[in-house]
Amino acid sequence: MSMIHVWRIRFGALAMALALYIVRTFVDETYATINWLAGFETMCWMLAILGFTSLYLNKPSRALSYLNMAVFWSKCAINERMSQIG
């Protein structure tokens, strides 16, 4: 997917999520009873977050490398502890 499509999707999803948030918070009291609308708002937030992270975390950086190794070693420690327990 080209960068122009990601740009459109992330800003479109962010705008839709913010609009639905404003409606949910300030306007409509029955918003929580409409499950599909709440689900659509959640999907918009996730698309916006994934769009922005794909832009900013898709490049090599020292911080990303450090955090990647920290997650790897944490997972190794958890797996080792779980194997000792079970």
Protein backbone atom coordinates (compact mmCIF):
# COMPACT_ATOMS: atom_id res chain seq x y z
CA MET A 1 0.00 0.00 0.00
CA SER A 2 1.44 3.35 -0.94
CA MET A 3 2.09 6.08 1.60
CA ILE A 4 -0.72 8.26 0.20
CA HIS A 5 -3.26 5.52 0.98
CA VAL A 6 -1.93 5.09 4.52
CA TRP A 7 -2.06 8.87 4.98
CA ARG A 8 -5.69 9.01 3.88
CA ILE A 9 -6.74 6.02 5.95
CA ARG A 10 -5.08 7.16 9.16
CA PHE A 11 -6.38 10.73 9.02
CA GLY A 12 -9.82 9.61 7.87
CA ALA A 13 -10.03 7.06 10.65
CA LEU A 14 -8.79 9.60 13.20
CA ALA A 15 -11.36 12.17 12.07
CA MET A 16 -14.18 9.61 12.20
CA ALA A 17 -13.09 8.35 15.62
CA LEU A 18 -12.92 11.88 17.02
CA ALA A 19 -16.34 12.72 15.58
CA LEU A 20 -17.88 9.58 17.08
CA TYR A 21 -16.17 10.30 20.40
CA ILE A 22 -17.66 13.80 20.48
CA VAL A 23 -21.10 12.41 19.66
CA ARG A 24 -20.75 9.75 22.34
CA THR A 25 -19.49 12.14 24.99
CA PHE A 26 -21.48 15.32 24.46
CA VAL A 27 -24.52 14.69 22.31
CA ASP A 28 -26.21 11.32 22.46
CA GLU A 29 -27.16 9.56 25.68
CA THR A 30 -28.28 6.38 23.89
CA TYR A 31 -25.00 5.93 22.03
CA ALA A 32 -23.87 3.14 24.37
CA THR A 33 -26.94 1.09 23.48
CA ILE A 34 -26.03 1.08 19.78
CA ASN A 35 -23.40 -1.66 19.85
CA TRP A 36 -22.40 -1.51 16.20
CA LEU A 37 -21.69 2.22 16.43
CA ALA A 38 -19.47 1.74 19.47
CA GLY A 39 -17.71 -1.07 17.62
CA PHE A 40 -17.23 1.15 14.58
CA GLU A 41 -15.69 3.86 16.78
CA THR A 42 -13.31 1.30 18.26
CA MET A 43 -12.33 0.11 14.78
CA CYS A 44 -11.65 3.70 13.72
CA TRP A 45 -9.38 4.25 16.72
CA MET A 46 -7.47 1.05 15.94
CA LEU A 47 -7.03 1.96 12.26
CA ALA A 48 -5.79 5.42 13.21
CA ILE A 49 -3.32 4.01 15.73
CA LEU A 50 -2.05 1.37 13.30
CA GLY A 51 -1.74 3.97 10.54
CA PHE A 52 0.35 6.31 12.65
CA THR A 53 2.51 3.53 14.07
CA SER A 54 3.16 2.15 10.57
CA LEU A 55 4.49 5.56 9.61
CA TYR A 56 6.66 6.25 12.65
CA LEU A 57 7.73 2.76 13.74
CA ASN A 58 8.53 1.38 10.29
CA LYS A 59 12.07 2.78 10.33
CA PRO A 60 15.14 1.48 12.12
CA SER A 61 15.91 3.34 15.34
CA ARG A 62 17.93 2.74 18.48
CA ALA A 63 14.88 3.05 20.72
CA LEU A 64 12.89 0.53 18.68
CA SER A 65 15.80 -1.94 18.69
CA TYR A 66 16.17 -1.57 22.47
CA LEU A 67 12.46 -2.06 23.10
CA ASN A 68 12.37 -5.05 20.76
CA MET A 69 15.15 -6.76 22.71
CA ALA A 70 13.50 -5.86 26.02
CA VAL A 71 10.28 -7.54 24.92
CA PHE A 72 12.21 -10.58 23.67
CA TRP A 73 14.09 -11.08 26.95
CA SER A 74 10.94 -10.47 29.02
CA LYS A 75 9.14 -13.13 27.02
CA CYS A 76 12.05 -15.54 27.50
CA ALA A 77 11.99 -14.94 31.26
CA ILE A 78 8.22 -15.48 31.41
CA ASN A 79 8.46 -18.69 29.38
CA GLU A 80 11.24 -20.00 31.61
CA ARG A 81 9.24 -19.24 34.74
CA MET A 82 6.11 -20.86 33.30
CA SER A 83 8.07 -24.02 32.44
CA GLN A 84 9.33 -24.21 36.04
CA ILE A 85 5.80 -23.86 37.41
CA GLY A 86 4.05 -26.28 35.08
